[in-house]
Protein backbone atom coordinates (compact mmCIF):
# COMPACT_ATOMS: atom_id res chain seq x y z
CA MET A 1 0.00 0.00 0.00
CA LYS A 2 1.35 3.41 -0.91
CA GLY A 3 2.15 5.67 2.00
CA LYS A 4 1.68 2.91 4.53
CA ASN A 5 4.53 1.71 6.72
CA ILE A 6 4.27 -2.08 6.45
CA ARG A 7 5.77 -4.08 9.30
CA LYS A 8 8.09 -6.83 8.13
CA ILE A 9 7.15 -10.45 8.70
CA THR A 10 10.40 -12.13 9.67
CA THR A 11 9.48 -15.42 11.37
CA PRO A 12 7.31 -18.41 10.47
CA GLN A 13 5.30 -17.76 13.64
CA SER A 14 4.47 -14.16 12.70
CA LEU A 15 3.58 -15.24 9.17
CA ASN A 16 1.36 -18.02 10.52
CA ALA A 17 -0.40 -15.52 12.78
CA TYR A 18 -0.89 -13.17 9.83
CA ILE A 19 -2.47 -15.91 7.68
CA LYS A 20 -4.67 -16.93 10.62
CA ASN A 21 -5.93 -13.35 10.81
CA ILE A 22 -6.98 -13.55 7.14
CA CYS A 23 -8.74 -16.87 7.83
CA ASP A 24 -10.60 -15.26 10.75
CA ILE A 25 -12.05 -12.67 8.35
CA MET A 26 -12.99 -15.51 5.99
CA ARG A 27 -14.78 -17.34 8.80
CA ARG A 28 -16.79 -14.32 9.88
CA SER A 29 -17.78 -13.67 6.27
CA GLY A 30 -19.50 -16.98 5.58
CA ARG A 31 -16.53 -19.29 4.92
CA ALA A 32 -16.84 -21.12 8.24
CA GLY A 33 -14.81 -24.31 7.79
CA ALA A 34 -11.40 -24.99 6.30
CA LEU A 35 -13.01 -26.89 3.41
CA GLN A 36 -14.67 -23.57 2.51
CA TYR A 37 -12.08 -20.92 3.28
CA VAL A 38 -8.93 -22.71 2.05
CA PRO A 39 -10.10 -22.88 -1.61
CA GLU A 40 -11.20 -19.22 -1.38
CA LEU A 41 -7.88 -18.11 0.09
CA THR A 42 -6.05 -20.27 -2.46
CA TRP A 43 -7.20 -18.45 -5.58
CA MET A 44 -6.63 -15.03 -4.04
CA LEU A 45 -3.15 -15.87 -2.76
CA PHE A 46 -2.38 -17.47 -6.11
CA LEU A 47 -3.25 -14.31 -8.05
CA ARG A 48 -1.25 -12.16 -5.62
CA ILE A 49 1.90 -14.28 -5.96
CA LEU A 50 1.43 -14.69 -9.72
CA ASP A 51 1.18 -10.94 -10.32
CA GLU A 52 4.26 -10.19 -8.27
CA ARG A 53 6.22 -12.96 -9.96
CA GLU A 54 5.27 -11.76 -13.45
CA GLN A 55 6.27 -8.20 -12.57
CA ARG A 56 9.71 -9.48 -11.58
CA GLU A 57 9.99 -11.59 -14.72
CA GLU A 58 8.95 -8.64 -16.89
CA GLU A 59 11.64 -6.44 -15.33
CA GLN A 60 14.27 -9.16 -15.79
CA ALA A 61 13.29 -9.61 -19.43
CA LYS A 62 13.51 -5.85 -20.09
CA ALA A 63 16.94 -5.72 -18.48
CA ILE A 64 18.33 -8.18 -21.03
CA GLY A 65 16.18 -7.03 -23.95
CA ALA A 66 14.12 -10.25 -24.09
CA PRO A 67 10.42 -10.34 -25.02
CA PHE A 68 7.89 -11.07 -22.28
CA SER A 69 4.12 -11.45 -22.35
CA LEU A 70 2.04 -11.16 -19.20
CA SER A 71 -0.43 -13.99 -18.62
CA LEU A 72 -3.17 -11.54 -17.63
CA GLU A 73 -4.08 -8.18 -19.12
CA TYR A 74 -5.80 -5.13 -17.64
CA PRO A 75 -8.11 -5.18 -15.68
CA TYR A 76 -7.58 -8.79 -14.55
CA ARG A 77 -4.14 -8.47 -12.99
CA TRP A 78 -4.03 -8.29 -9.18
CA ARG A 79 -2.45 -4.83 -9.37
CA ASP A 80 -5.51 -3.59 -11.32
CA TRP A 81 -8.53 -4.85 -9.39
CA ALA A 82 -7.31 -6.07 -5.97
CA ALA A 83 -4.49 -3.73 -4.95
CA PRO A 84 -5.78 -0.85 -2.75
CA ASP A 85 -4.52 1.71 -5.28
CA GLY A 86 -5.47 -0.36 -8.35
CA THR A 87 -7.04 1.63 -11.19
CA LYS A 88 -9.92 -0.81 -11.69
CA ARG A 89 -10.59 -1.18 -7.97
CA LEU A 90 -10.80 2.59 -7.43
CA GLU A 91 -13.09 2.90 -10.43
CA LEU A 92 -15.40 0.16 -9.11
CA GLN A 93 -15.48 1.55 -5.57
CA MET A 94 -16.47 4.97 -6.87
CA GLY A 95 -19.17 3.46 -9.07
CA THR A 96 -22.53 1.89 -8.29
CA LEU A 97 -23.17 -0.02 -5.05
CA GLY A 98 -22.27 -3.68 -5.46
CA GLY A 99 -20.19 -3.00 -8.55
CA PHE A 100 -17.02 -4.53 -7.10
CA MET A 101 -18.68 -7.84 -6.19
CA SER A 102 -20.37 -7.92 -9.58
CA PHE A 103 -17.02 -7.46 -11.34
CA VAL A 104 -15.42 -10.31 -9.36
CA ASN A 105 -18.28 -12.77 -9.87
CA ASN A 106 -19.47 -11.87 -13.37
CA ASP A 107 -16.31 -10.69 -15.11
CA LEU A 108 -13.05 -11.64 -13.37
CA LEU A 109 -13.77 -15.26 -12.43
CA PRO A 110 -15.46 -16.26 -15.73
CA THR A 111 -12.66 -14.62 -17.74
CA LEU A 112 -9.95 -16.48 -15.83
CA LYS A 113 -11.81 -19.80 -16.21
CA ARG A 114 -11.92 -19.34 -20.00
CA LEU A 115 -8.21 -18.55 -20.45
CA LYS A 116 -7.35 -22.10 -21.54
CA ASP A 117 -9.81 -21.82 -24.44
CA ARG A 118 -7.99 -18.90 -26.05
CA PRO A 119 -6.16 -19.68 -29.30
CA GLY A 120 -2.49 -20.09 -28.48
CA ALA A 121 -3.05 -20.17 -24.72
CA THR A 122 0.29 -20.50 -22.92
CA PRO A 123 0.99 -23.30 -20.41
CA ARG A 124 0.77 -20.77 -17.58
CA GLN A 125 -2.59 -19.46 -18.84
CA LYS A 126 -3.88 -23.04 -18.88
CA VAL A 127 -2.71 -23.47 -15.27
CA ILE A 128 -4.43 -20.22 -14.25
CA SER A 129 -7.62 -21.35 -15.95
CA GLU A 130 -7.59 -24.69 -14.13
CA VAL A 131 -6.92 -23.09 -10.74
CA PHE A 132 -10.33 -21.48 -11.20
CA SER A 133 -12.02 -24.58 -12.61
CA SER A 134 -14.24 -25.15 -9.55
CA ILE A 135 -14.76 -21.51 -8.52
CA GLU A 136 -18.19 -20.22 -9.59
CA LYS A 137 -18.23 -17.09 -7.44
CA THR A 138 -16.69 -15.78 -4.25
CA GLY A 139 -18.30 -17.12 -1.10
CA VAL A 140 -17.39 -14.02 0.92
CA ASP A 141 -20.65 -12.46 2.04
CA THR A 142 -20.06 -8.73 1.74
CA GLU A 143 -17.98 -6.34 -0.32
CA ARG A 144 -16.42 -4.87 2.84
CA ASN A 145 -15.21 -8.24 4.06
CA LEU A 146 -13.88 -9.10 0.61
CA LEU A 147 -11.93 -5.82 0.42
CA ASP A 148 -10.53 -6.42 3.93
CA ILE A 149 -9.29 -9.86 2.86
CA LEU A 150 -7.76 -8.51 -0.35
CA ASP A 151 -5.98 -5.75 1.57
CA LYS A 152 -4.48 -8.29 3.96
CA ILE A 153 -3.35 -10.57 1.15
CA HIS A 154 -1.89 -7.62 -0.74
CA GLU A 155 0.48 -6.96 2.14
CA LEU A 156 1.99 -10.41 1.61
CA SER A 157 4.53 -9.05 -0.81
CA LEU A 158 8.27 -9.38 -1.27
CA GLU A 159 8.55 -6.06 0.55
CA GLN A 160 7.09 -7.69 3.62
CA VAL A 161 8.13 -11.32 3.23
CA ASP A 162 11.43 -11.21 1.38
CA GLU A 163 12.43 -13.83 -1.16
CA THR A 164 14.36 -15.91 1.36
CA HIS A 165 11.14 -16.44 3.28
CA MET A 166 8.91 -17.40 0.36
CA PHE A 167 9.23 -21.10 1.13
CA THR A 168 8.08 -20.28 4.66
CA LEU A 169 4.95 -18.82 3.10
CA SER A 170 4.37 -22.10 1.26
CA GLN A 171 4.85 -24.03 4.51
CA VAL A 172 2.17 -21.92 6.20
CA TYR A 173 -0.05 -22.61 3.21
CA GLU A 174 0.52 -26.35 3.65
CA GLY A 175 -0.61 -25.91 7.25
CA LEU A 176 -3.92 -24.63 5.87
CA LEU A 177 -4.15 -27.70 3.64
CA GLN A 178 -3.64 -29.88 6.70
CA LYS A 179 -6.58 -28.14 8.38
CA MET A 180 -8.67 -28.98 5.33
CA GLY A 181 -7.70 -32.64 5.73
CA GLU A 182 -8.67 -32.64 9.41
CA LYS A 183 -12.26 -31.83 8.46
CA ASN A 184 -12.46 -34.83 6.15
CA ASN A 185 -13.09 -38.40 7.31
CA ASP A 186 -10.12 -39.52 5.25
CA GLY A 187 -7.71 -36.62 5.64
CA GLY A 188 -4.72 -38.77 4.75
CA GLN A 189 -5.60 -38.48 1.08
CA PHE A 190 -5.50 -34.68 1.30
CA PHE A 191 -2.43 -34.20 3.43
CA THR A 192 0.58 -36.41 4.13
CA PRO A 193 2.68 -35.16 7.08
CA ARG A 194 5.60 -33.08 5.85
CA GLU A 195 8.21 -35.14 7.72
CA VAL A 196 6.98 -38.38 6.13
CA ILE A 197 7.19 -36.79 2.68
CA ARG A 198 10.65 -35.38 3.36
CA ILE A 199 11.97 -38.77 4.51
CA MET A 200 10.54 -40.56 1.46
CA VAL A 201 12.04 -37.99 -0.93
CA GLN A 202 15.40 -38.26 0.83
CA VAL A 203 15.41 -42.06 0.48
CA ILE A 204 14.41 -42.04 -3.21
CA ASP A 205 16.69 -39.04 -3.96
CA PRO A 206 15.32 -37.89 -7.36
CA GLN A 207 17.93 -36.39 -9.69
CA ILE A 208 17.69 -33.50 -12.16
CA GLY A 209 16.62 -34.91 -15.50
CA GLU A 210 14.39 -37.57 -13.92
CA THR A 211 10.61 -37.32 -14.10
CA VAL A 212 8.62 -37.42 -10.84
CA TYR A 213 5.03 -38.70 -10.77
CA ASP A 214 2.26 -38.91 -8.17
CA PRO A 215 -0.88 -40.67 -9.47
CA CYS A 216 -3.06 -39.36 -6.60
CA CYS A 217 -1.27 -36.13 -5.83
CA GLY A 218 -3.81 -34.49 -3.51
CA THR A 219 -2.60 -30.97 -2.79
CA GLY A 220 0.81 -31.70 -4.37
CA GLY A 221 2.93 -32.26 -1.26
CA PHE A 222 5.19 -34.97 -2.72
CA LEU A 223 5.86 -33.04 -5.91
CA ALA A 224 6.55 -29.82 -4.01
CA GLN A 225 9.00 -31.50 -1.64
CA ALA A 226 10.72 -33.30 -4.52
CA TYR A 227 11.23 -29.90 -6.19
CA GLN A 228 12.76 -28.44 -3.03
CA HIS A 229 15.07 -31.47 -2.80
CA MET A 230 16.11 -31.30 -6.45
CA ILE A 231 16.55 -27.52 -6.81
CA LYS A 232 19.52 -27.73 -4.42
CA LYS A 233 21.31 -29.84 -7.05
CA ALA A 234 20.78 -27.28 -9.86
CA ASN A 235 24.05 -25.82 -11.14
CA ARG A 236 22.97 -24.38 -14.51
CA ALA A 237 20.09 -22.34 -15.88
CA THR A 238 19.03 -25.35 -17.97
CA ASP A 239 18.72 -27.43 -14.77
CA ILE A 240 16.28 -24.91 -13.32
CA GLU A 241 14.31 -24.72 -16.57
CA VAL A 242 13.98 -28.53 -16.66
CA LEU A 243 12.78 -28.61 -13.05
CA LYS A 244 10.24 -25.84 -13.52
CA THR A 245 8.75 -27.11 -16.79
CA ARG A 246 9.45 -30.78 -17.56
CA THR A 247 9.83 -32.71 -14.33
CA PHE A 248 6.66 -32.94 -12.24
CA TYR A 249 3.56 -34.93 -13.19
CA GLY A 250 0.49 -35.92 -11.24
CA ARG A 251 -3.15 -36.93 -11.33
CA GLU A 252 -5.96 -35.84 -9.03
CA LYS A 253 -9.63 -36.76 -9.03
CA GLU A 254 -11.23 -34.39 -6.53
CA ASP A 255 -12.67 -31.20 -8.03
CA LEU A 256 -11.98 -29.33 -4.78
CA VAL A 257 -8.37 -30.49 -4.44
CA TYR A 258 -7.12 -30.36 -8.04
CA PRO A 259 -7.00 -26.53 -8.37
CA ILE A 260 -5.42 -26.27 -4.91
CA ALA A 261 -2.65 -28.64 -6.04
CA LEU A 262 -1.94 -26.44 -9.06
CA ALA A 263 -1.85 -23.27 -6.97
CA ASN A 264 0.35 -24.91 -4.34
CA LEU A 265 2.89 -26.07 -6.93
CA VAL A 266 3.01 -22.69 -8.67
CA LEU A 267 3.50 -21.12 -5.23
CA GLN A 268 6.50 -23.46 -4.87
CA GLU A 269 7.81 -21.92 -8.15
CA ILE A 270 7.07 -24.92 -10.38
CA ASP A 271 6.00 -22.97 -13.47
CA GLU A 272 4.39 -25.88 -15.31
CA PRO A 273 2.88 -28.49 -12.99
CA HIS A 274 1.58 -31.23 -15.30
CA ILE A 275 -1.50 -32.30 -13.35
CA TRP A 276 -4.18 -34.41 -15.02
CA HIS A 277 -7.70 -33.88 -13.66
CA GLY A 278 -9.69 -37.08 -13.54
CA ASN A 279 -9.97 -40.56 -12.06
CA THR A 280 -6.61 -42.32 -12.38
CA LEU A 281 -8.11 -45.77 -11.84
CA THR A 282 -11.06 -45.54 -14.26
CA GLY A 283 -9.27 -43.34 -16.80
CA HIS A 284 -12.20 -40.88 -16.82
CA GLU A 285 -10.74 -37.49 -17.76
CA VAL A 286 -12.12 -34.10 -16.71
CA TYR A 287 -9.24 -32.07 -18.15
CA GLY A 288 -5.97 -33.38 -19.52
CA GLY A 289 -4.61 -30.28 -21.20
CA LEU A 290 -1.79 -29.80 -18.67
CA PHE A 291 -0.73 -33.44 -19.06
CA SER A 292 -0.20 -33.40 -22.83
CA GLY A 293 3.26 -34.59 -23.72
CA ALA A 294 3.66 -36.52 -20.45
CA PRO A 295 5.84 -39.63 -20.72
CA ALA A 296 4.22 -43.06 -20.61
CA LEU A 297 6.63 -44.22 -17.88
CA PHE A 298 8.37 -42.30 -15.09
CA ASP A 299 11.74 -42.37 -13.33
CA VAL A 300 10.34 -41.74 -9.85
CA VAL A 301 6.96 -42.29 -8.21
CA LEU A 302 6.21 -40.76 -4.80
CA THR A 303 2.67 -41.22 -3.55
CA ASN A 304 0.17 -41.91 -0.78
CA PRO A 305 -2.96 -43.63 -2.15
CA PRO A 306 -6.20 -42.98 -0.21
CA PHE A 307 -6.70 -45.28 2.76
CA GLY A 308 -9.65 -47.65 2.77
CA GLY A 309 -11.12 -46.56 -0.57
CA LYS A 310 -13.42 -48.82 -2.59
CA GLU A 311 -13.64 -48.94 -6.40
CA GLY A 312 -16.38 -50.18 -8.71
CA LYS A 313 -16.24 -52.43 -11.75
CA ASP A 314 -15.36 -49.55 -14.09
CA ALA A 315 -12.00 -49.21 -12.33
CA GLN A 316 -11.38 -52.90 -11.82
CA THR A 317 -11.73 -53.79 -15.50
CA ARG A 318 -8.53 -51.84 -16.27
CA PHE A 319 -6.37 -54.01 -14.01
CA ALA A 320 -5.05 -57.56 -14.22
CA TYR A 321 -5.88 -58.32 -10.59
CA LYS A 322 -9.40 -57.19 -9.81
CA THR A 323 -10.37 -55.90 -6.37
CA SER A 324 -12.41 -53.08 -4.89
CA SER A 325 -9.40 -51.98 -2.80
CA THR A 326 -8.23 -48.56 -4.00
CA GLN A 327 -4.73 -49.02 -2.58
CA VAL A 328 -4.18 -52.38 -4.28
CA LEU A 329 -5.26 -51.00 -7.66
CA PHE A 330 -3.00 -47.99 -7.18
CA LEU A 331 -0.10 -50.30 -6.35
CA GLN A 332 -0.65 -52.10 -9.67
CA HIS A 333 -0.84 -48.74 -11.46
CA VAL A 334 2.40 -47.55 -9.84
CA ILE A 335 4.33 -50.67 -10.82
CA ASP A 336 3.13 -50.34 -14.41
CA SER A 337 4.01 -46.60 -14.46
CA LEU A 338 7.69 -47.05 -13.61
CA LYS A 339 10.49 -47.21 -16.14
CA PRO A 340 12.91 -50.13 -15.84
CA GLY A 341 15.22 -48.95 -13.07
CA GLY A 342 12.57 -46.49 -11.87
CA ARG A 343 12.20 -46.00 -8.11
CA CYS A 344 9.13 -45.69 -5.93
CA GLY A 345 8.32 -44.58 -2.39
CA ILE A 346 4.72 -45.29 -1.40
CA VAL A 347 2.66 -45.08 1.80
CA MET A 348 0.68 -48.27 2.31
CA ASP A 349 -1.96 -49.22 4.85
CA GLU A 350 -0.84 -52.20 6.96
CA GLY A 351 -3.89 -54.22 5.96
CA VAL A 352 -2.56 -54.45 2.40
CA LEU A 353 0.67 -55.96 3.71
CA PHE A 354 -0.75 -58.77 5.82
CA ARG A 355 -3.97 -59.68 4.00
CA THR A 356 -3.69 -63.04 2.26
CA ASN A 357 -7.39 -63.98 2.17
CA GLU A 358 -8.17 -62.14 -1.07
CA THR A 359 -6.65 -63.36 -4.32
CA ALA A 360 -5.99 -59.89 -5.81
CA PHE A 361 -4.02 -58.83 -2.73
CA VAL A 362 -1.76 -61.87 -3.01
CA GLN A 363 -1.42 -61.56 -6.81
CA THR A 364 -0.52 -57.85 -6.59
CA LYS A 365 2.13 -58.45 -3.92
CA ARG A 366 3.52 -61.33 -5.98
CA LYS A 367 3.67 -59.00 -9.00
CA LEU A 368 5.51 -56.44 -6.85
CA LEU A 369 8.14 -58.96 -5.72
CA ASN A 370 8.53 -60.55 -9.16
CA GLU A 371 8.83 -57.32 -11.19
CA CYS A 372 10.48 -55.06 -8.61
CA ASN A 373 13.15 -55.16 -5.97
CA LEU A 374 11.20 -54.29 -2.82
CA TRP A 375 14.30 -53.45 -0.85
CA CYS A 376 12.84 -51.66 2.18
CA ILE A 377 9.70 -51.54 4.32
CA VAL A 378 9.49 -49.05 7.19
CA SER A 379 6.84 -49.87 9.78
CA LEU A 380 5.54 -46.50 10.99
CA PRO A 381 4.01 -45.87 14.42
CA PRO A 382 0.24 -45.90 14.80
CA LYS A 383 -1.40 -42.46 14.53
CA VAL A 384 1.23 -40.93 12.20
CA PHE A 385 -1.70 -39.56 10.19
CA VAL A 386 -3.73 -38.47 13.21
CA ASN A 387 -3.19 -34.77 12.40
CA ALA A 388 -4.52 -35.39 8.91
CA GLY A 389 -7.74 -36.96 10.15
CA ALA A 390 -6.80 -40.61 9.58
CA ALA A 391 -5.82 -43.24 12.16
CA SER A 392 -4.58 -46.06 9.91
CA LYS A 393 -1.41 -47.99 10.81
CA THR A 394 0.86 -47.42 7.83
CA ASN A 395 4.14 -48.50 6.26
CA LEU A 396 6.55 -46.99 3.76
CA LEU A 397 7.50 -49.23 0.84
CA PHE A 398 10.56 -48.51 -1.32
CA PHE A 399 11.22 -50.46 -4.49
CA THR A 400 12.98 -50.39 -7.86
CA ARG A 401 11.43 -51.84 -11.00
CA GLY A 402 13.34 -54.28 -13.20
CA GLU A 403 14.77 -56.96 -10.94
CA PRO A 404 12.91 -59.41 -8.66
CA THR A 405 13.15 -59.12 -4.90
CA LYS A 406 15.70 -61.35 -3.17
CA GLU A 407 15.30 -60.04 0.36
CA ILE A 408 13.48 -57.21 2.13
CA TRP A 409 15.10 -54.96 4.71
CA TYR A 410 12.64 -53.97 7.43
CA TYR A 411 12.94 -51.02 9.79
CA ASP A 412 10.59 -50.84 12.78
CA LEU A 413 9.32 -47.56 14.30
CA SER A 414 6.00 -49.01 15.46
CA ASP A 415 6.80 -48.62 19.19
CA ILE A 416 7.08 -44.82 19.04
CA ASN A 417 4.21 -42.98 20.66
CA VAL A 418 2.87 -40.41 18.19
CA THR A 419 0.21 -37.89 19.23
CA LYS A 420 -1.24 -34.70 17.76
CA LYS A 421 1.15 -32.63 19.85
CA GLN A 422 4.11 -35.00 19.38
CA PRO A 423 4.19 -35.94 15.68
CA LEU A 424 6.75 -38.08 13.92
CA THR A 425 9.90 -36.06 13.21
CA ALA A 426 13.15 -36.43 11.29
CA THR A 427 14.91 -37.20 14.58
CA HIS A 428 13.11 -40.55 14.69
CA PHE A 429 14.83 -41.47 11.41
CA GLU A 430 18.40 -40.60 12.39
CA ALA A 431 19.34 -44.22 13.19
CA PHE A 432 17.62 -45.33 9.97
CA PHE A 433 19.86 -43.14 7.83
CA GLU A 434 22.94 -44.30 9.72
CA LEU A 435 22.16 -47.86 8.59
CA PHE A 436 20.82 -46.98 5.13
CA ASN A 437 23.37 -46.96 2.29
CA PRO A 438 21.59 -45.96 -0.95
CA SER A 439 24.57 -46.68 -3.19
CA THR A 440 24.95 -50.35 -2.27
CA LEU A 441 21.56 -51.12 -0.69
CA LYS A 442 23.53 -53.19 1.82
CA LEU A 443 21.35 -52.61 4.83
CA SER A 444 22.55 -53.44 8.33
CA GLU A 445 20.65 -55.26 11.04
CA SER A 446 19.96 -53.70 14.44
CA GLU A 447 17.42 -53.80 17.24
CA ARG A 448 15.02 -52.03 14.86
CA SER A 449 16.06 -53.60 11.55
CA TRP A 450 16.30 -57.05 10.01
CA CYS A 451 16.29 -58.81 6.62
CA VAL A 452 13.78 -61.38 5.36
CA PRO A 453 14.56 -63.59 2.31
CA VAL A 454 11.88 -63.59 -0.37
CA GLU A 455 11.42 -67.35 0.01
CA GLU A 456 10.15 -66.75 3.54
CA ILE A 457 7.65 -64.18 2.24
CA GLN A 458 6.46 -66.59 -0.45
CA ALA A 459 6.04 -69.35 2.14
CA LYS A 460 3.73 -67.04 4.12
CA ASN A 461 1.58 -66.48 1.01
CA TYR A 462 3.02 -62.97 0.54
CA ASP A 463 2.33 -61.66 4.04
CA LEU A 464 4.62 -58.60 4.12
CA LYS A 465 3.81 -57.33 7.60
CA ALA A 466 6.80 -56.27 9.72
CA VAL A 467 7.32 -58.59 12.70
CA ASN A 468 10.51 -57.55 14.49
CA PRO A 469 12.52 -60.61 15.60
CA ASN A 470 15.05 -58.41 17.40
CA LYS A 471 12.61 -56.58 19.60
CA LYS A 472 13.59 -56.94 23.23
CA GLY A 473 10.74 -57.71 25.58
CA GLN A 474 10.40 -55.79 28.82
CA GLU A 475 11.89 -58.03 31.50
CA ASP A 476 9.96 -58.05 34.75
CA MET A 477 12.56 -57.24 37.44
CA ARG A 478 10.20 -57.64 40.40
CA THR A 479 11.06 -60.34 42.97
CA PRO A 480 8.67 -63.24 43.81
CA GLU A 481 8.05 -61.63 47.22
CA GLU A 482 7.02 -58.34 45.54
CA LEU A 483 4.65 -60.15 43.14
CA ILE A 484 3.05 -62.12 46.02
CA SER A 485 2.56 -58.89 47.97
CA ILE A 486 0.86 -57.24 44.96
CA ILE A 487 -1.45 -60.25 44.44
CA GLU A 488 -2.37 -60.36 48.16
CA SER A 489 -3.13 -56.63 48.14
CA GLN A 490 -5.36 -56.94 45.08
CA THR A 491 -7.08 -60.02 46.55
CA THR A 492 -7.93 -58.05 49.70
CA GLU A 493 -9.38 -55.19 47.64
CA ILE A 494 -11.49 -57.60 45.59
CA ALA A 495 -12.79 -59.34 48.73
CA GLU A 496 -13.80 -56.02 50.29
CA ALA A 497 -15.59 -54.96 47.09
CA LEU A 498 -17.52 -58.26 46.96
CA LYS A 499 -18.52 -57.88 50.64
CA ILE A 500 -19.98 -54.43 49.97
CA LEU A 501 -21.92 -55.69 46.94
CA ARG A 502 -23.38 -58.62 48.89
CA GLU A 503 -24.41 -56.36 51.75
CA LYS A 504 -26.34 -54.29 49.26
CA GLY A 505 -28.05 -57.41 47.92
CA VAL A 506 -26.44 -57.28 44.51
CA ASP A 507 -26.01 -61.06 44.49
CA GLN A 508 -29.80 -61.43 44.41
CA PHE A 509 -30.07 -60.08 40.84
């Protein structure tokens, strides 16, 4: 804002508090729950960041004499209609009552939704169009509340949150996505805990030049973290260009989540997120324009299929091993989506690992072990996904396609107590990475880790559940005299309780 002294936001905590303040205005203006206000905040924050980014890019292009075309023209740029001193905004506020809301709902939003239909639409214009694919109109109840929200979002600029803190902004945004997951009965499909994602990316270690794919990408957490991991390896301008435009691919079914994934990835500075909108398992496509030119097979898959989902016949007919289990069908899809030598990290519900009473479960696990080297299974603690609204006991599976499995290295974290206030952290994986050698895949045994030959798995009808043979039981150090004293004390208490009940005539009932 011109003439206004804007206080710098310098810590994640102050930024989080600032975003919460915006959400409070959303809540009082008719967007009560996270499932309502996160999508609303998403498209506004997206346009704010996009406009500022394109202004920077335009200046950089002018400095070197290169051509540059803005994705949006007047009056649809943030600086025109949303900024407090924007020409279009001032014009609308001085005009007829309700004119600003009418412009947003009847002009701005429809125009942005139609961008992809323009002849020669750029990849970024197609992304913008799809971010608005499920937005019909703003849900904010009054013009005053909407202007208050826009003013707050406008202050989230590089003047206030400098470039070194932009990833912090995206982390706060992911916190909002987590809140959205909490309101859903199956939040795990919307939000995978950041530490779990970070560990999986670190294990798989995608390299520049490799393609990264998530067939049920949700809000884009795996792809975003893979980008952050890979950008550190970039040494040349071509490396950055490859990462921003030709590396990240995903699919997402949910109309509510798909545009949020696009906005989240653009916020992470992935210029061209290739996200296909539709049902991965049935093949039903809503919009595939951003996925054109995608490879048939991928170098890396990082994913967390929805827990406990059920599929109908239309999905099952596309797979060799037919089952209603969403996770089992996704596992088949993932195996078939990997290049020879391609690597996968996948979150899997424990039920998939131990179930041997359904043919498709056994056949899919046999396919996995025959076509891939399943070299590691990490047994996670219960309640890892409790902050995302799901309580399933889960495991991390890591495998490479092309060679059959000879033995599986297990690592057991199932005894760790995870709560909402004490989530799983990177510290819990320190011993894991001390044992883990990605170059040789020679994995050491310890109190938490052990190896199982594939023949043993086959003999158990492909039961893959982690059962730690090295786990030390808690030895009872009490003496016989102490145990007798405890038993006598409890016997006395029981006898006294029975006496009271009999005196009250309870034994007559």
